[in-house]
Protein backbone atom coordinates (compact mmCIF):
# COMPACT_ATOMS: atom_id res chain seq x y z
CA MET A 1 -17.93 -0.36 13.50
CA PRO A 2 -15.25 -0.23 10.80
CA ARG A 3 -14.09 3.20 9.71
CA PHE A 4 -13.96 4.03 6.01
CA ALA A 5 -11.07 5.89 4.40
CA ALA A 6 -11.16 7.48 0.95
CA ASN A 7 -8.41 6.33 -1.39
CA LEU A 8 -7.44 9.58 -3.04
CA SER A 9 -5.60 7.81 -5.83
CA MET A 10 -8.95 6.40 -6.99
CA LEU A 11 -11.66 8.75 -5.69
CA PHE A 12 -12.28 12.41 -6.52
CA THR A 13 -9.80 12.14 -9.40
CA GLU A 14 -11.59 14.91 -11.28
CA LEU A 15 -9.91 17.29 -8.80
CA PRO A 16 -6.25 18.27 -8.40
CA PHE A 17 -4.73 15.98 -5.80
CA LEU A 18 -4.49 18.43 -2.91
CA GLU A 19 -8.14 19.39 -3.38
CA ARG A 20 -9.25 15.79 -2.90
CA PHE A 21 -8.71 16.00 0.87
CA GLY A 22 -11.45 18.59 1.23
CA ALA A 23 -13.76 16.64 -1.07
CA ALA A 24 -13.26 13.50 1.00
CA ALA A 25 -14.05 15.33 4.22
CA ALA A 26 -17.14 16.94 2.66
CA ALA A 27 -18.35 13.46 1.64
CA GLY A 28 -18.13 12.30 5.26
CA PHE A 29 -14.82 10.43 5.28
CA LYS A 30 -12.69 10.72 8.40
CA GLY A 31 -9.55 9.14 6.96
CA VAL A 32 -7.64 9.05 3.68
CA GLU A 33 -5.12 6.78 2.01
CA TYR A 34 -3.36 6.92 -1.35
CA LEU A 35 -0.57 5.21 -3.21
CA PHE A 36 2.37 7.55 -2.71
CA PRO A 37 2.92 10.85 -0.88
CA TYR A 38 6.40 11.37 -2.30
CA PRO A 39 5.58 13.69 -5.24
CA PHE A 40 4.30 16.27 -2.72
CA LYS A 41 5.86 18.25 0.09
CA LYS A 42 5.25 16.72 3.51
CA GLU A 43 4.19 20.12 4.82
CA ASP A 44 1.51 20.56 2.15
CA LEU A 45 0.02 17.14 2.81
CA ALA A 46 0.07 17.64 6.57
CA ALA A 47 -1.65 21.00 6.15
CA GLU A 48 -4.50 19.44 4.17
CA LEU A 49 -4.97 16.72 6.76
CA ALA A 50 -5.11 19.28 9.56
CA ARG A 51 -7.34 21.69 7.65
CA HIS A 52 -10.01 19.04 7.09
CA GLY A 53 -9.63 17.02 10.29
CA LEU A 54 -8.54 13.87 8.47
CA VAL A 55 -6.39 10.92 9.53
CA GLN A 56 -3.67 9.67 7.20
CA VAL A 57 -4.47 5.97 7.34
CA LEU A 58 -1.99 4.43 4.92
CA HIS A 59 0.46 4.95 2.12
CA ASN A 60 2.90 2.66 0.32
CA LEU A 61 6.63 2.35 0.48
CA PRO A 62 8.32 3.64 -2.67
CA ALA A 63 7.65 1.03 -5.35
CA GLY A 64 10.11 1.67 -8.18
CA ASN A 65 9.15 3.36 -11.44
CA TRP A 66 5.36 3.26 -11.28
CA GLU A 67 4.86 5.12 -14.56
CA ALA A 68 7.01 2.52 -16.34
CA GLY A 69 4.87 -0.31 -14.98
CA GLU A 70 6.85 -1.36 -11.92
CA ARG A 71 4.65 -2.41 -9.02
CA GLY A 72 7.13 -2.73 -6.18
CA ILE A 73 10.74 -3.87 -5.84
CA ALA A 74 10.76 -5.78 -2.55
CA CYS A 75 11.36 -9.15 -4.26
CA HIS A 76 14.04 -7.83 -6.67
CA PRO A 77 17.51 -9.04 -5.66
CA ASP A 78 19.26 -6.25 -7.58
CA ARG A 79 17.25 -3.43 -5.95
CA VAL A 80 17.92 -4.03 -2.25
CA GLY A 81 19.79 -0.75 -1.75
CA GLU A 82 17.00 1.19 -3.42
CA PHE A 83 14.43 -0.60 -1.29
CA ARG A 84 16.23 0.28 1.93
CA ASP A 85 16.53 3.92 0.89
CA GLY A 86 12.79 3.89 0.28
CA VAL A 87 12.12 2.66 3.80
CA GLY A 88 13.86 5.72 5.18
CA GLN A 89 11.87 8.01 2.91
CA ALA A 90 8.61 6.33 3.92
CA ILE A 91 9.41 6.82 7.60
CA GLU A 92 10.06 10.53 7.04
CA TYR A 93 6.70 10.99 5.36
CA ALA A 94 4.71 8.75 7.68
CA THR A 95 6.12 10.53 10.73
CA ALA A 96 5.30 13.95 9.30
CA LEU A 97 1.76 12.85 8.40
CA GLY A 98 0.98 10.95 11.58
CA CYS A 99 0.55 7.76 9.56
CA THR A 100 1.01 4.63 11.67
CA GLN A 101 1.10 2.00 8.93
CA VAL A 102 2.69 1.68 5.50
CA ASN A 103 2.20 -0.99 2.84
CA CYS A 104 4.97 -2.82 1.02
CA LEU A 105 4.21 -3.90 -2.55
CA ALA A 106 6.19 -7.08 -3.20
CA GLY A 107 6.47 -6.41 -6.92
CA ILE A 108 6.32 -8.36 -10.15
CA ALA A 109 8.75 -11.27 -10.05
CA PRO A 110 11.70 -10.46 -12.33
CA ALA A 111 12.43 -12.97 -15.07
CA GLY A 112 15.22 -15.45 -14.58
CA VAL A 113 15.31 -15.28 -10.78
CA SER A 114 14.79 -18.52 -8.86
CA PRO A 115 11.80 -18.86 -6.53
CA GLU A 116 14.22 -19.39 -3.63
CA LEU A 117 16.04 -16.11 -4.28
CA LEU A 118 12.78 -14.20 -4.74
CA ARG A 119 11.54 -15.46 -1.39
CA TYR A 120 14.85 -14.82 0.36
CA THR A 121 15.00 -11.27 -0.99
CA LEU A 122 11.45 -10.42 0.04
CA VAL A 123 11.82 -11.90 3.52
CA SER A 124 15.14 -10.13 4.09
CA ASN A 125 13.75 -6.80 2.93
CA LEU A 126 10.68 -7.19 5.12
CA ARG A 127 12.81 -7.97 8.16
CA TYR A 128 14.85 -4.83 7.53
CA ALA A 129 11.79 -2.66 6.91
CA ALA A 130 9.90 -4.01 9.92
CA GLY A 131 12.85 -3.29 12.19
CA GLN A 132 13.24 0.27 10.95
CA LEU A 133 9.53 0.95 11.11
CA ARG A 134 9.19 -0.55 14.59
CA GLU A 135 11.67 2.00 15.91
CA ALA A 136 9.46 4.73 14.44
CA GLY A 137 6.26 3.22 15.89
CA ILE A 138 4.89 2.23 12.46
CA ARG A 139 3.35 -1.03 11.29
CA LEU A 140 4.38 -2.70 8.04
CA LEU A 141 1.77 -4.33 5.82
CA ILE A 142 2.02 -6.68 2.85
CA GLU A 143 -0.78 -7.01 0.31
CA PRO A 144 -1.67 -9.98 -1.89
CA ILE A 145 -2.66 -8.67 -5.35
CA ASN A 146 -4.46 -10.58 -8.08
CA THR A 147 -2.46 -11.73 -11.07
CA PHE A 148 -5.22 -10.95 -13.56
CA ASP A 149 -4.75 -7.20 -13.06
CA ILE A 150 -0.99 -7.42 -12.48
CA PRO A 151 0.40 -10.55 -14.19
CA GLY A 152 3.40 -12.00 -12.45
CA PHE A 153 2.86 -10.20 -9.14
CA TYR A 154 4.84 -12.19 -6.60
CA LEU A 155 2.44 -12.09 -3.62
CA SER A 156 -1.04 -13.13 -4.68
CA ARG A 157 -2.75 -15.24 -1.99
CA THR A 158 -3.66 -14.81 1.66
CA ALA A 159 -2.07 -18.09 2.76
CA GLN A 160 1.17 -17.06 1.05
CA ALA A 161 1.15 -13.78 2.94
CA ALA A 162 0.51 -15.55 6.25
CA ASP A 163 3.41 -17.92 5.55
CA ILE A 164 5.71 -14.96 4.90
CA LEU A 165 4.61 -13.37 8.16
CA ASP A 166 5.59 -16.57 9.94
CA GLU A 167 9.05 -16.55 8.36
CA VAL A 168 9.77 -12.86 8.94
CA SER A 169 8.53 -13.14 12.53
CA ALA A 170 8.12 -9.42 13.20
CA ASP A 171 5.49 -8.23 15.66
CA ASN A 172 4.68 -5.16 13.57
CA LEU A 173 4.16 -6.99 10.25
CA PHE A 174 0.55 -7.58 9.17
CA ILE A 175 -1.60 -8.35 6.15
CA GLN A 176 -3.42 -5.73 4.13
CA TYR A 177 -6.47 -7.66 2.94
CA ASP A 178 -7.98 -6.27 -0.26
CA LEU A 179 -11.41 -7.81 -0.78
CA TYR A 180 -11.36 -7.19 -4.53
CA HIS A 181 -7.99 -8.86 -5.09
CA ALA A 182 -8.95 -11.73 -2.79
CA GLN A 183 -12.24 -12.30 -4.58
CA ARG A 184 -10.46 -12.57 -7.93
CA MET A 185 -7.78 -14.96 -6.66
CA GLU A 186 -9.51 -17.18 -4.13
CA GLY A 187 -13.01 -16.16 -3.03
CA GLU A 188 -14.10 -17.42 0.41
CA LEU A 189 -13.95 -13.85 1.69
CA ALA A 190 -15.97 -14.30 4.87
CA ALA A 191 -14.14 -17.42 6.05
CA THR A 192 -10.72 -16.05 5.09
CA VAL A 193 -11.21 -12.79 6.96
CA ALA A 194 -12.40 -14.69 10.02
CA ARG A 195 -9.46 -17.11 9.92
CA HIS A 196 -6.78 -14.44 9.50
CA LEU A 197 -8.37 -11.52 11.35
CA PRO A 198 -5.67 -11.27 14.07
CA ARG A 199 -3.10 -10.76 11.31
CA ILE A 200 -5.12 -8.30 9.23
CA ALA A 201 -4.37 -4.66 10.06
CA HIS A 202 -6.09 -3.00 7.12
CA ILE A 203 -8.86 -3.90 4.66
CA GLN A 204 -9.61 -2.41 1.25
CA LEU A 205 -12.70 -2.85 -0.90
CA ALA A 206 -14.01 -2.71 -4.45
CA ASP A 207 -16.57 -4.83 -6.24
CA ASN A 208 -15.94 -7.36 -8.98
CA PRO A 209 -16.02 -7.28 -11.97
CA GLY A 210 -14.85 -3.80 -12.88
CA ARG A 211 -13.34 -2.74 -9.55
CA HIS A 212 -16.18 -0.29 -9.07
CA GLU A 213 -18.06 0.71 -5.91
CA PRO A 214 -19.81 -1.83 -3.66
CA GLY A 215 -23.16 -2.85 -5.09
CA SER A 216 -21.97 -2.79 -8.68
CA GLY A 217 -20.92 -6.44 -8.90
CA GLU A 218 -21.00 -9.91 -7.41
CA ILE A 219 -19.81 -9.31 -3.84
CA ASN A 220 -22.63 -9.09 -1.28
CA TYR A 221 -21.19 -6.08 0.50
CA PRO A 222 -24.15 -5.34 2.82
CA TRP A 223 -23.77 -8.83 4.29
CA LEU A 224 -19.98 -8.93 4.16
CA LEU A 225 -19.46 -5.59 5.90
CA ARG A 226 -21.87 -6.62 8.67
CA HIS A 227 -19.93 -9.88 8.97
CA ILE A 228 -16.59 -8.06 9.27
CA ASP A 229 -18.09 -5.74 11.84
CA GLY A 230 -19.45 -8.71 13.78
CA LEU A 231 -16.01 -10.31 13.87
CA GLY A 232 -14.83 -7.34 15.89
CA TYR A 233 -12.68 -5.67 13.23
CA THR A 234 -12.06 -2.08 14.35
CA GLY A 235 -9.47 -0.97 11.80
CA TRP A 236 -9.92 1.14 8.71
CA ILE A 237 -11.45 0.00 5.44
CA GLY A 238 -9.95 1.79 2.47
CA CYS A 239 -12.29 2.57 -0.41
CA GLU A 240 -9.95 1.72 -3.27
CA TYR A 241 -12.33 1.49 -6.19
CA LYS A 242 -12.91 3.16 -9.54
CA PRO A 243 -16.24 5.00 -9.47
CA ALA A 244 -18.49 3.80 -12.27
CA THR A 245 -19.55 7.41 -12.92
CA THR A 246 -18.46 10.07 -10.43
CA THR A 247 -17.31 9.60 -6.86
CA ALA A 248 -20.27 11.54 -5.45
CA GLU A 249 -22.86 9.58 -7.46
CA GLY A 250 -21.38 6.30 -6.29
CA LEU A 251 -21.39 6.94 -2.54
CA GLY A 252 -24.93 5.69 -1.90
CA TRP A 253 -23.58 2.37 -0.64
CA LEU A 254 -21.71 4.16 2.14
CA ASP A 255 -24.76 6.13 3.23
CA ALA A 256 -26.77 2.91 3.34
CA PHE A 257 -24.18 1.15 5.48
């Protein structure tokens, strides 16, 4: 059966960040993920994981100036040095937190850069990151993100991600398949998961529209989660949704599953 991880960047946000670990454990989660660990001391994060018996499932590579609207720099030709520095920082944190996979956000395509150079930059950066992470025993993920929520995001479809995996040709590079983003861009969730399952190392969920909890929108999550389970997926499923009210009030779907 898939294991569910609380995304602490989206859930329990009424609490200070370090208090969200305990809230996730109290709600029954065994794992956590979140966007970035870097604003916090590695020791403080590791202590919260240990205190509550939680697994650090995932975090992202540094992704540029998030507050200013950047959503990754892996496809930016003028930021390669910054990207490589971020890989080293991610390895330090992931190692300290026992996290065995990190996600690379490709970023919004910068204006005036040719499609060929964007692709070359992303592939080159992924090859570098995959090599460094392999030595540390960590998997690298890439995530297609819908261009309604983030206009201009470079990586937006599952087939595009699979094609990039082919070109990079790294045995520790996988797809992070976000059901919400995929529903907005392409639909066909059940067939797409089945077709690409060997290359999917992590799944995230939210319903559409609204990006709220399962059961709030158009995706038939009771059926879809049983389908994913039946395919033999044994990885984590990150709960990366915005609670319609409070996190606690919206967890009935998880109890039902």
